[in-house]
Amino acid sequence: MKKSILFILAFWAYTLCALAETTVSQTVSTERMDFDGLDVHCLVKGTKITMADGSEKNIEEIKEGDEVLSYTTSNTTGKSMVKAVAQKNHTNFVTYRFKSGRSLTCTLDHPLFSPKFGWVSCDPEKSKLYKGFANVGTVKIGTYILRSDGSDDQITAIEKGKKEQPFYTITELSDKHIGFFANGVCVGTEGLK
C-alpha cells in the first residue's frame, strides 16, 4: 500500500512539474514574440520625440500624461497629452535618411506625413489596419515629410534592416490627434481599428 501511495504521489509530482514547465515555456514564447509591425508600429529606442514645449525626450522615456507636439486632423500642429504608450520587440525595420542629415528608424508600417501625399509608409497595407490611417500611400526616395518647424525634409535613402531590438510608440493622444514628431518629422500614432 505504501508503494502505491508513493507511486501516486510521484506521478502527481511529475505531472505538476511537467505542466509548470509547459506554462513557463509558453509564457516565455509569448513574451519573445516578434510582431514585425503587425501589432504595433514603432520607433527604435533613442528616437527623440518633440515635446509640447519644444524640448525633446527619448521615446522610451515618454509616459502617460506627457505633453507632445502633435499634428492635428485640420493640418496644424498643437499640443496633446499622451494617453497610452507601448513597447514591443521587432526584427524588421526601416531607416529613412533625410536631406537635412536626420534619420528615423521605425517599423515598416509606421506612417509618416507628407504634405503632398498625406500618410505614407513602406508597408501601407499594414498601416491601414490602424485608426485614422485608411488612406496610406507608399513612401519613396524623394518624398517630402513634414517637420516639426512646419518645413519639409526630403527622404534621400530608405534602408531596410533586420535585427531584433526594442521599439516604442505612442498609441493614443488626447484630442484625437493622430500625429506627433519623432526625430523632427511627423509620424502617426498606433491604435488598431
N, C-alpha and C. Protein backbone atom coordinates (compact mmCIF):
# COMPACT_ATOMS: atom_id res chain seq x y z
N MET A 1 0.82 -1.20 0.00
CA MET A 1 0.00 0.00 0.00
C MET A 1 0.86 1.26 0.00
N LYS A 2 1.95 1.22 0.80
CA LYS A 2 2.84 2.38 0.85
C LYS A 2 3.45 2.65 -0.53
N LYS A 3 3.81 1.56 -1.24
CA LYS A 3 4.39 1.72 -2.57
C LYS A 3 3.39 2.34 -3.53
N SER A 4 2.11 1.98 -3.42
CA SER A 4 1.07 2.55 -4.28
C SER A 4 0.90 4.02 -4.02
N ILE A 5 0.89 4.41 -2.75
CA ILE A 5 0.74 5.83 -2.40
C ILE A 5 1.95 6.61 -2.89
N LEU A 6 3.15 6.05 -2.67
CA LEU A 6 4.37 6.73 -3.14
C LEU A 6 4.36 6.87 -4.66
N PHE A 7 3.90 5.83 -5.35
CA PHE A 7 3.82 5.88 -6.81
C PHE A 7 2.86 6.98 -7.27
N ILE A 8 1.70 7.03 -6.63
CA ILE A 8 0.69 8.05 -6.98
C ILE A 8 1.24 9.45 -6.71
N LEU A 9 1.89 9.66 -5.56
CA LEU A 9 2.47 10.97 -5.24
C LEU A 9 3.57 11.34 -6.24
N ALA A 10 4.40 10.37 -6.59
CA ALA A 10 5.47 10.63 -7.56
C ALA A 10 4.88 10.99 -8.92
N PHE A 11 3.82 10.25 -9.31
CA PHE A 11 3.16 10.52 -10.58
C PHE A 11 2.61 11.95 -10.61
N TRP A 12 1.91 12.36 -9.55
CA TRP A 12 1.32 13.71 -9.50
C TRP A 12 2.41 14.78 -9.44
N ALA A 13 3.48 14.52 -8.73
CA ALA A 13 4.58 15.49 -8.68
C ALA A 13 5.19 15.68 -10.06
N TYR A 14 5.40 14.56 -10.77
CA TYR A 14 5.94 14.62 -12.12
C TYR A 14 4.99 15.39 -13.06
N THR A 15 3.70 15.09 -12.97
CA THR A 15 2.69 15.75 -13.81
C THR A 15 2.65 17.25 -13.55
N LEU A 16 2.68 17.66 -12.28
CA LEU A 16 2.65 19.09 -11.94
C LEU A 16 3.90 19.79 -12.45
N CYS A 17 5.07 19.15 -12.32
CA CYS A 17 6.30 19.76 -12.82
C CYS A 17 6.26 19.92 -14.34
N ALA A 18 5.77 18.89 -15.03
CA ALA A 18 5.67 18.97 -16.50
C ALA A 18 4.71 20.07 -16.91
N LEU A 19 3.58 20.18 -16.21
CA LEU A 19 2.60 21.23 -16.51
C LEU A 19 3.19 22.61 -16.26
N ALA A 20 3.90 22.78 -15.15
CA ALA A 20 4.52 24.07 -14.83
C ALA A 20 5.57 24.44 -15.88
N GLU A 21 6.36 23.46 -16.34
CA GLU A 21 7.37 23.71 -17.35
C GLU A 21 6.74 24.15 -18.67
N THR A 22 5.64 23.51 -19.05
CA THR A 22 4.92 23.88 -20.28
C THR A 22 4.40 25.30 -20.17
N THR A 23 3.80 25.66 -19.03
CA THR A 23 3.27 27.01 -18.83
C THR A 23 4.38 28.05 -18.91
N VAL A 24 5.52 27.78 -18.25
CA VAL A 24 6.66 28.71 -18.30
C VAL A 24 7.15 28.83 -19.73
N SER A 25 7.26 27.70 -20.44
CA SER A 25 7.71 27.73 -21.82
C SER A 25 6.79 28.57 -22.70
N GLN A 26 5.47 28.41 -22.52
CA GLN A 26 4.51 29.18 -23.30
C GLN A 26 4.60 30.66 -22.97
N THR A 27 4.80 31.00 -21.69
CA THR A 27 4.91 32.39 -21.27
C THR A 27 6.13 33.03 -21.91
N VAL A 28 7.27 32.35 -21.88
CA VAL A 28 8.49 32.88 -22.47
C VAL A 28 8.29 33.08 -23.96
N SER A 29 7.67 32.12 -24.64
CA SER A 29 7.44 32.26 -26.07
C SER A 29 6.59 33.48 -26.38
N THR A 30 5.53 33.73 -25.60
CA THR A 30 4.66 34.88 -25.83
C THR A 30 5.42 36.17 -25.61
N GLU A 31 6.23 36.25 -24.56
CA GLU A 31 6.97 37.48 -24.28
C GLU A 31 7.99 37.78 -25.37
N ARG A 32 8.55 36.75 -26.00
CA ARG A 32 9.57 36.95 -27.01
C ARG A 32 8.99 37.01 -28.42
N MET A 33 7.66 37.00 -28.52
CA MET A 33 7.01 37.01 -29.82
C MET A 33 7.45 38.23 -30.63
N ASP A 34 7.74 38.05 -31.90
CA ASP A 34 8.19 39.12 -32.78
C ASP A 34 7.03 39.53 -33.67
N PHE A 35 6.48 40.71 -33.46
CA PHE A 35 5.29 41.14 -34.18
C PHE A 35 5.59 41.72 -35.56
N ASP A 36 6.83 42.13 -35.82
CA ASP A 36 7.22 42.69 -37.11
C ASP A 36 6.25 43.73 -37.63
N GLY A 37 5.75 44.59 -36.74
CA GLY A 37 4.88 45.68 -37.16
C GLY A 37 3.44 45.28 -37.32
N LEU A 38 3.09 44.03 -37.06
CA LEU A 38 1.72 43.59 -37.26
C LEU A 38 0.82 44.03 -36.11
N ASP A 39 1.39 44.25 -34.95
CA ASP A 39 0.61 44.61 -33.79
C ASP A 39 0.77 46.08 -33.42
N VAL A 40 1.95 46.58 -33.49
CA VAL A 40 2.23 47.95 -33.09
C VAL A 40 3.29 48.51 -34.04
N HIS A 41 3.01 49.65 -34.68
CA HIS A 41 4.08 50.26 -35.47
C HIS A 41 4.87 51.15 -34.54
N CYS A 42 6.18 51.05 -34.60
CA CYS A 42 7.02 51.59 -33.53
C CYS A 42 8.27 52.29 -34.04
N LEU A 43 8.91 52.97 -33.08
CA LEU A 43 10.15 53.71 -33.29
C LEU A 43 11.25 53.09 -32.43
N VAL A 44 12.44 53.03 -32.97
CA VAL A 44 13.55 52.41 -32.24
C VAL A 44 13.92 53.22 -30.99
N LYS A 45 14.40 52.52 -29.99
CA LYS A 45 14.85 53.15 -28.75
C LYS A 45 15.84 54.27 -29.07
N GLY A 46 15.71 55.39 -28.37
CA GLY A 46 16.59 56.53 -28.59
C GLY A 46 16.03 57.58 -29.53
N THR A 47 14.91 57.27 -30.19
CA THR A 47 14.26 58.25 -31.07
C THR A 47 13.82 59.44 -30.23
N LYS A 48 14.11 60.65 -30.71
CA LYS A 48 13.77 61.88 -29.98
C LYS A 48 12.36 62.34 -30.34
N ILE A 49 11.51 62.49 -29.32
CA ILE A 49 10.14 62.95 -29.51
C ILE A 49 10.08 64.43 -29.14
N THR A 50 9.46 65.25 -30.00
CA THR A 50 9.33 66.68 -29.72
C THR A 50 8.19 66.89 -28.73
N MET A 51 8.54 67.50 -27.61
CA MET A 51 7.56 67.76 -26.56
C MET A 51 6.81 69.07 -26.88
N ALA A 52 5.71 69.31 -26.18
CA ALA A 52 4.89 70.50 -26.44
C ALA A 52 5.67 71.79 -26.24
N ASP A 53 6.65 71.79 -25.33
CA ASP A 53 7.43 73.00 -25.06
C ASP A 53 8.63 73.16 -26.00
N GLY A 54 8.77 72.25 -26.98
CA GLY A 54 9.86 72.32 -27.95
C GLY A 54 11.08 71.50 -27.58
N SER A 55 11.15 71.01 -26.35
CA SER A 55 12.28 70.17 -25.95
C SER A 55 12.10 68.77 -26.55
N GLU A 56 13.08 67.93 -26.38
CA GLU A 56 12.99 66.57 -26.91
C GLU A 56 13.21 65.56 -25.78
N LYS A 57 12.59 64.39 -25.94
CA LYS A 57 12.69 63.34 -24.94
C LYS A 57 12.76 62.00 -25.68
N ASN A 58 13.59 61.08 -25.21
CA ASN A 58 13.67 59.76 -25.85
C ASN A 58 12.33 59.04 -25.77
N ILE A 59 11.97 58.34 -26.83
CA ILE A 59 10.68 57.64 -26.91
C ILE A 59 10.48 56.69 -25.73
N GLU A 60 11.53 56.02 -25.28
CA GLU A 60 11.39 55.06 -24.19
C GLU A 60 11.12 55.74 -22.84
N GLU A 61 11.30 57.06 -22.77
CA GLU A 61 11.04 57.81 -21.54
C GLU A 61 9.67 58.49 -21.54
N ILE A 62 8.96 58.43 -22.66
CA ILE A 62 7.63 59.05 -22.75
C ILE A 62 6.66 58.24 -21.90
N LYS A 63 5.81 58.92 -21.16
CA LYS A 63 4.82 58.23 -20.33
C LYS A 63 3.47 58.93 -20.44
N GLU A 64 2.45 58.24 -19.98
CA GLU A 64 1.11 58.81 -19.98
C GLU A 64 1.13 60.13 -19.21
N GLY A 65 0.44 61.14 -19.77
CA GLY A 65 0.39 62.45 -19.13
C GLY A 65 1.39 63.45 -19.69
N ASP A 66 2.44 62.97 -20.37
CA ASP A 66 3.39 63.88 -21.02
C ASP A 66 2.67 64.64 -22.12
N GLU A 67 3.10 65.87 -22.39
CA GLU A 67 2.54 66.65 -23.50
C GLU A 67 3.54 66.73 -24.63
N VAL A 68 3.09 66.33 -25.82
CA VAL A 68 3.95 66.32 -27.01
C VAL A 68 3.40 67.28 -28.05
N LEU A 69 4.27 67.69 -28.96
CA LEU A 69 3.83 68.46 -30.12
C LEU A 69 3.12 67.48 -31.04
N SER A 70 1.88 67.81 -31.41
CA SER A 70 1.10 66.87 -32.22
C SER A 70 0.70 67.49 -33.55
N TYR A 71 0.27 66.61 -34.44
CA TYR A 71 -0.25 67.02 -35.73
C TYR A 71 -1.74 66.75 -35.72
N THR A 72 -2.52 67.75 -36.06
CA THR A 72 -3.98 67.63 -35.96
C THR A 72 -4.60 67.24 -37.28
N THR A 73 -5.82 66.78 -37.22
CA THR A 73 -6.54 66.40 -38.44
C THR A 73 -6.89 67.61 -39.29
N SER A 74 -6.76 68.82 -38.73
CA SER A 74 -7.02 70.04 -39.52
C SER A 74 -5.72 70.62 -40.08
N ASN A 75 -4.70 69.76 -40.20
CA ASN A 75 -3.41 70.13 -40.81
C ASN A 75 -2.68 71.25 -40.07
N THR A 76 -2.73 71.25 -38.77
CA THR A 76 -1.98 72.20 -37.96
C THR A 76 -1.26 71.44 -36.85
N THR A 77 -0.30 72.09 -36.23
CA THR A 77 0.35 71.49 -35.07
C THR A 77 -0.30 72.04 -33.81
N GLY A 78 -0.22 71.27 -32.77
CA GLY A 78 -0.77 71.66 -31.48
C GLY A 78 -0.10 70.86 -30.40
N LYS A 79 -0.65 70.91 -29.21
CA LYS A 79 -0.08 70.07 -28.16
C LYS A 79 -1.15 69.08 -27.71
N SER A 80 -0.69 67.87 -27.42
CA SER A 80 -1.59 66.80 -26.99
C SER A 80 -0.97 66.06 -25.83
N MET A 81 -1.85 65.56 -24.97
CA MET A 81 -1.39 64.74 -23.86
C MET A 81 -1.31 63.29 -24.32
N VAL A 82 -0.24 62.61 -23.92
CA VAL A 82 -0.08 61.20 -24.22
C VAL A 82 -1.05 60.42 -23.33
N LYS A 83 -1.90 59.62 -23.98
CA LYS A 83 -2.88 58.82 -23.23
C LYS A 83 -2.42 57.38 -23.06
N ALA A 84 -1.59 56.87 -23.98
CA ALA A 84 -1.11 55.49 -23.88
C ALA A 84 0.17 55.32 -24.70
N VAL A 85 1.03 54.43 -24.23
CA VAL A 85 2.29 54.10 -24.90
C VAL A 85 2.42 52.58 -24.99
N ALA A 86 3.33 52.09 -25.84
CA ALA A 86 3.55 50.65 -25.96
C ALA A 86 5.00 50.38 -26.29
N GLN A 87 5.43 49.17 -25.96
CA GLN A 87 6.78 48.70 -26.29
C GLN A 87 6.68 47.26 -26.77
N LYS A 88 7.34 46.96 -27.88
CA LYS A 88 7.41 45.61 -28.43
C LYS A 88 8.78 45.41 -29.05
N ASN A 89 9.24 44.17 -29.08
CA ASN A 89 10.45 43.86 -29.84
C ASN A 89 10.04 43.58 -31.27
N HIS A 90 10.82 44.11 -32.20
CA HIS A 90 10.60 43.88 -33.63
C HIS A 90 11.92 43.46 -34.26
N THR A 91 11.84 42.78 -35.37
CA THR A 91 13.03 42.37 -36.11
C THR A 91 13.17 43.17 -37.39
N ASN A 92 12.10 43.33 -38.15
CA ASN A 92 12.16 44.05 -39.43
C ASN A 92 11.90 45.54 -39.21
N PHE A 93 12.74 46.36 -39.82
CA PHE A 93 12.61 47.81 -39.65
C PHE A 93 13.16 48.53 -40.88
N VAL A 94 12.95 49.83 -40.89
CA VAL A 94 13.45 50.67 -41.98
C VAL A 94 14.09 51.91 -41.37
N THR A 95 15.17 52.37 -42.00
CA THR A 95 15.79 53.65 -41.61
C THR A 95 15.64 54.60 -42.79
N TYR A 96 14.98 55.72 -42.53
CA TYR A 96 14.83 56.77 -43.53
C TYR A 96 15.95 57.78 -43.29
N ARG A 97 16.63 58.17 -44.35
CA ARG A 97 17.67 59.21 -44.26
C ARG A 97 17.11 60.43 -44.99
N PHE A 98 17.35 61.60 -44.39
CA PHE A 98 16.79 62.85 -44.90
C PHE A 98 17.88 63.80 -45.38
N LYS A 99 17.50 64.69 -46.27
CA LYS A 99 18.41 65.69 -46.84
C LYS A 99 19.07 66.53 -45.74
N SER A 100 18.37 66.78 -44.66
CA SER A 100 18.90 67.60 -43.56
C SER A 100 19.99 66.89 -42.76
N GLY A 101 20.18 65.58 -43.00
CA GLY A 101 21.14 64.80 -42.23
C GLY A 101 20.47 63.98 -41.12
N ARG A 102 19.19 64.24 -40.89
CA ARG A 102 18.45 63.47 -39.89
C ARG A 102 18.18 62.07 -40.42
N SER A 103 17.85 61.17 -39.48
CA SER A 103 17.40 59.83 -39.86
C SER A 103 16.31 59.41 -38.89
N LEU A 104 15.54 58.41 -39.29
CA LEU A 104 14.46 57.88 -38.46
C LEU A 104 14.38 56.39 -38.71
N THR A 105 14.48 55.60 -37.61
CA THR A 105 14.35 54.15 -37.71
C THR A 105 13.04 53.73 -37.06
N CYS A 106 12.24 52.98 -37.82
CA CYS A 106 10.92 52.56 -37.35
C CYS A 106 10.52 51.26 -38.03
N THR A 107 9.37 50.72 -37.61
CA THR A 107 8.85 49.53 -38.28
C THR A 107 8.38 49.92 -39.68
N LEU A 108 8.29 48.94 -40.56
CA LEU A 108 7.94 49.19 -41.96
C LEU A 108 6.57 49.83 -42.15
N ASP A 109 5.66 49.57 -41.20
CA ASP A 109 4.29 50.09 -41.33
C ASP A 109 4.07 51.42 -40.63
N HIS A 110 5.11 51.98 -40.01
CA HIS A 110 4.91 53.24 -39.29
C HIS A 110 4.70 54.38 -40.30
N PRO A 111 3.54 55.03 -40.25
CA PRO A 111 3.25 56.08 -41.23
C PRO A 111 3.97 57.40 -40.92
N LEU A 112 4.38 58.07 -41.98
CA LEU A 112 4.96 59.41 -41.92
C LEU A 112 4.04 60.33 -42.71
N PHE A 113 4.03 61.63 -42.34
CA PHE A 113 3.12 62.54 -43.03
C PHE A 113 3.85 63.37 -44.07
N SER A 114 3.38 63.24 -45.32
CA SER A 114 3.88 64.02 -46.44
C SER A 114 2.86 65.10 -46.77
N PRO A 115 3.27 66.38 -46.79
CA PRO A 115 2.31 67.43 -47.14
C PRO A 115 1.70 67.24 -48.53
N LYS A 116 2.42 66.60 -49.44
CA LYS A 116 1.92 66.41 -50.80
C LYS A 116 1.05 65.15 -50.94
N PHE A 117 1.44 64.06 -50.26
CA PHE A 117 0.76 62.77 -50.46
C PHE A 117 -0.07 62.29 -49.27
N GLY A 118 -0.01 62.99 -48.15
CA GLY A 118 -0.69 62.52 -46.95
C GLY A 118 0.17 61.48 -46.24
N TRP A 119 -0.48 60.52 -45.57
CA TRP A 119 0.26 59.50 -44.82
C TRP A 119 0.89 58.49 -45.78
N VAL A 120 2.16 58.13 -45.53
CA VAL A 120 2.90 57.18 -46.36
C VAL A 120 3.70 56.24 -45.45
N SER A 121 3.99 55.03 -45.94
CA SER A 121 4.86 54.10 -45.22
C SER A 121 5.45 53.11 -46.21
N CYS A 122 6.38 52.27 -45.74
CA CYS A 122 6.94 51.20 -46.57
C CYS A 122 5.97 50.04 -46.71
N ASP A 123 5.03 49.92 -45.80
CA ASP A 123 4.04 48.84 -45.85
C ASP A 123 2.65 49.41 -45.61
N PRO A 124 2.09 50.12 -46.61
CA PRO A 124 0.81 50.79 -46.42
C PRO A 124 -0.35 49.86 -46.08
N GLU A 125 -0.31 48.60 -46.55
CA GLU A 125 -1.42 47.69 -46.25
C GLU A 125 -1.51 47.42 -44.75
N LYS A 126 -0.37 47.24 -44.09
CA LYS A 126 -0.39 47.06 -42.63
C LYS A 126 -0.74 48.36 -41.93
N SER A 127 -0.27 49.48 -42.46
CA SER A 127 -0.57 50.79 -41.85
C SER A 127 -2.06 51.05 -41.82
N LYS A 128 -2.77 50.57 -42.83
CA LYS A 128 -4.22 50.80 -42.95
C LYS A 128 -5.03 50.07 -41.87
N LEU A 129 -4.38 49.19 -41.11
CA LEU A 129 -5.07 48.46 -40.04
C LEU A 129 -5.28 49.34 -38.80
N TYR A 130 -4.68 50.52 -38.78
CA TYR A 130 -4.72 51.38 -37.60
C TYR A 130 -5.75 52.50 -37.75
N LYS A 131 -6.29 52.94 -36.63
CA LYS A 131 -7.28 54.03 -36.61
C LYS A 131 -6.71 55.28 -37.24
N GLY A 132 -7.47 55.87 -38.16
CA GLY A 132 -7.07 57.14 -38.77
C GLY A 132 -6.17 57.02 -39.97
N PHE A 133 -5.85 55.79 -40.39
CA PHE A 133 -4.91 55.61 -41.49
C PHE A 133 -5.50 54.77 -42.63
N ALA A 134 -6.71 55.11 -43.03
CA ALA A 134 -7.39 54.37 -44.10
C ALA A 134 -6.73 54.61 -45.46
N ASN A 135 -6.15 55.78 -45.66
CA ASN A 135 -5.52 56.14 -46.94
C ASN A 135 -4.04 56.37 -46.73
N VAL A 136 -3.26 55.33 -46.91
CA VAL A 136 -1.81 55.42 -46.74
C VAL A 136 -1.16 55.01 -48.05
N GLY A 137 -0.24 55.86 -48.53
CA GLY A 137 0.47 55.56 -49.77
C GLY A 137 1.84 54.97 -49.49
N THR A 138 2.54 54.63 -50.55
CA THR A 138 3.87 54.04 -50.43
C THR A 138 4.92 55.15 -50.43
N VAL A 139 5.78 55.14 -49.44
CA VAL A 139 6.85 56.13 -49.35
C VAL A 139 7.94 55.78 -50.37
N LYS A 140 8.57 56.81 -50.93
CA LYS A 140 9.62 56.63 -51.92
C LYS A 140 10.75 57.61 -51.65
N ILE A 141 11.92 57.30 -52.17
CA ILE A 141 13.02 58.26 -52.12
C ILE A 141 12.54 59.51 -52.87
N GLY A 142 12.78 60.66 -52.28
CA GLY A 142 12.33 61.92 -52.87
C GLY A 142 11.08 62.47 -52.21
N THR A 143 10.35 61.64 -51.45
CA THR A 143 9.15 62.11 -50.75
C THR A 143 9.54 63.13 -49.68
N TYR A 144 8.77 64.19 -49.58
CA TYR A 144 8.97 65.19 -48.54
C TYR A 144 8.08 64.86 -47.35
N ILE A 145 8.66 64.95 -46.15
CA ILE A 145 7.95 64.66 -44.90
C ILE A 145 7.91 65.94 -44.07
N LEU A 146 6.77 66.19 -43.44
CA LEU A 146 6.57 67.39 -42.62
C LEU A 146 7.49 67.37 -41.40
N ARG A 147 8.14 68.50 -41.14
CA ARG A 147 8.99 68.66 -39.96
C ARG A 147 8.24 69.42 -38.88
N SER A 148 8.75 69.34 -37.67
CA SER A 148 8.10 70.00 -36.52
C SER A 148 8.09 71.52 -36.63
N ASP A 149 9.00 72.10 -37.42
CA ASP A 149 9.03 73.56 -37.58
C ASP A 149 8.13 74.03 -38.73
N GLY A 150 7.40 73.10 -39.36
CA GLY A 150 6.49 73.46 -40.45
C GLY A 150 7.10 73.33 -41.83
N SER A 151 8.43 73.16 -41.92
CA SER A 151 9.07 72.97 -43.22
C SER A 151 9.00 71.48 -43.60
N ASP A 152 9.58 71.14 -44.74
CA ASP A 152 9.61 69.75 -45.21
C ASP A 152 11.05 69.26 -45.21
N ASP A 153 11.22 67.95 -45.11
CA ASP A 153 12.54 67.32 -45.23
C ASP A 153 12.41 66.18 -46.22
N GLN A 154 13.31 66.13 -47.19
CA GLN A 154 13.22 65.15 -48.26
C GLN A 154 13.95 63.85 -47.90
N ILE A 155 13.28 62.72 -48.16
CA ILE A 155 13.91 61.41 -47.94
C ILE A 155 14.92 61.18 -49.06
N THR A 156 16.17 60.86 -48.67
CA THR A 156 17.23 60.62 -49.65
C THR A 156 17.63 59.15 -49.72
N ALA A 157 17.26 58.37 -48.70
CA ALA A 157 17.58 56.93 -48.71
C ALA A 157 16.57 56.19 -47.83
N ILE A 158 16.26 54.98 -48.25
CA ILE A 158 15.38 54.09 -47.49
C ILE A 158 16.13 52.77 -47.34
N GLU A 159 16.53 52.45 -46.11
CA GLU A 159 17.35 51.26 -45.86
C GLU A 159 16.59 50.30 -44.95
N LYS A 160 16.29 49.12 -45.47
CA LYS A 160 15.60 48.11 -44.66
C LYS A 160 16.63 47.30 -43.90
N GLY A 161 16.28 46.93 -42.67
CA GLY A 161 17.19 46.16 -41.84
C GLY A 161 16.46 45.04 -41.11
N LYS A 162 17.26 44.17 -40.50
CA LYS A 162 16.69 43.02 -39.79
C LYS A 162 17.58 42.72 -38.59
N LYS A 163 17.09 43.05 -37.39
CA LYS A 163 17.80 42.78 -36.15
C LYS A 163 16.81 42.99 -35.01
N GLU A 164 16.64 41.98 -34.17
CA GLU A 164 15.67 42.14 -33.08
C GLU A 164 16.15 43.18 -32.09
N GLN A 165 15.26 44.11 -31.76
CA GLN A 165 15.57 45.16 -30.80
C GLN A 165 14.27 45.78 -30.28
N PRO A 166 14.35 46.51 -29.16
CA PRO A 166 13.13 47.11 -28.60
C PRO A 166 12.69 48.34 -29.38
N PHE A 167 11.38 48.41 -29.62
CA PHE A 167 10.76 49.56 -30.27
C PHE A 167 9.65 50.08 -29.36
N TYR A 168 9.34 51.36 -29.47
CA TYR A 168 8.36 52.02 -28.62
C TYR A 168 7.44 52.89 -29.48
N THR A 169 6.26 53.20 -28.96
CA THR A 169 5.40 54.13 -29.67
C THR A 169 4.38 54.75 -28.74
N ILE A 170 3.82 55.84 -29.21
CA ILE A 170 2.66 56.47 -28.56
C ILE A 170 1.44 55.88 -29.24
N THR A 171 0.57 55.24 -28.46
CA THR A 171 -0.58 54.59 -29.08
C THR A 171 -1.81 55.46 -29.11
N GLU A 172 -1.85 56.48 -28.25
CA GLU A 172 -3.03 57.36 -28.25
C GLU A 172 -2.68 58.73 -27.69
N LEU A 173 -3.19 59.76 -28.36
CA LEU A 173 -3.05 61.14 -27.91
C LEU A 173 -4.42 61.71 -27.59
N SER A 174 -4.44 62.74 -26.75
CA SER A 174 -5.71 63.41 -26.46
C SER A 174 -6.19 64.16 -27.70
N ASP A 175 -7.41 64.60 -27.69
CA ASP A 175 -8.00 65.39 -28.77
C ASP A 175 -8.06 64.66 -30.10
N LYS A 176 -7.91 63.34 -30.07
CA LYS A 176 -7.98 62.51 -31.28
C LYS A 176 -6.93 62.89 -32.33
N HIS A 177 -5.84 63.51 -31.91
CA HIS A 177 -4.74 63.80 -32.84
C HIS A 177 -4.05 62.48 -33.16
N ILE A 178 -3.61 62.32 -34.40
CA ILE A 178 -3.01 61.05 -34.80
C ILE A 178 -1.56 61.19 -35.22
N GLY A 179 -0.96 62.36 -35.07
CA GLY A 179 0.43 62.54 -35.44
C GLY A 179 1.24 63.19 -34.33
N PHE A 180 2.53 62.86 -34.29
CA PHE A 180 3.47 63.51 -33.39
C PHE A 180 4.82 63.56 -34.10
N PHE A 181 5.83 64.13 -33.49
CA PHE A 181 7.09 64.37 -34.19
C PHE A 181 8.22 63.56 -33.56
N ALA A 182 8.85 62.74 -34.39
CA ALA A 182 9.93 61.86 -33.98
C ALA A 182 11.18 62.20 -34.80
N ASN A 183 12.27 62.49 -34.11
CA ASN A 183 13.49 62.97 -34.77
C ASN A 183 13.17 64.11 -35.73
N GLY A 184 12.20 64.92 -35.33
CA GLY A 184 11.87 66.14 -36.07
C GLY A 184 10.89 65.99 -37.21
N VAL A 185 10.44 64.75 -37.52
CA VAL A 185 9.49 64.56 -38.62
C VAL A 185 8.17 63.98 -38.10
N CYS A 186 7.09 64.25 -38.83
CA CYS A 186 5.75 63.85 -38.41
C CYS A 186 5.50 62.37 -38.67
N VAL A 187 5.12 61.66 -37.60
CA VAL A 187 4.79 60.23 -37.68
C VAL A 187 3.42 59.99 -37.05
N GLY A 188 2.82 58.85 -37.30
CA GLY A 188 1.49 58.56 -36.80
C GLY A 188 1.49 57.80 -35.50
N THR A 189 0.36 57.91 -34.79
CA THR A 189 0.15 57.12 -33.58
C THR A 189 -0.31 55.72 -34.00
N GLU A 190 -0.50 54.86 -33.00
CA GLU A 190 -0.94 53.50 -33.27
C GLU A 190 -2.19 53.22 -32.46
N GLY A 191 -3.13 52.62 -33.11
CA GLY A 191 -4.33 52.17 -32.43
C GLY A 191 -5.10 51.29 -33.39
N LEU A 192 -5.17 49.98 -33.10
CA LEU A 192 -5.86 49.08 -34.02
C LEU A 192 -7.32 49.44 -34.12
N LYS A 193 -7.89 49.27 -35.32
CA LYS A 193 -9.31 49.57 -35.56
C LYS A 193 -10.18 48.63 -34.76
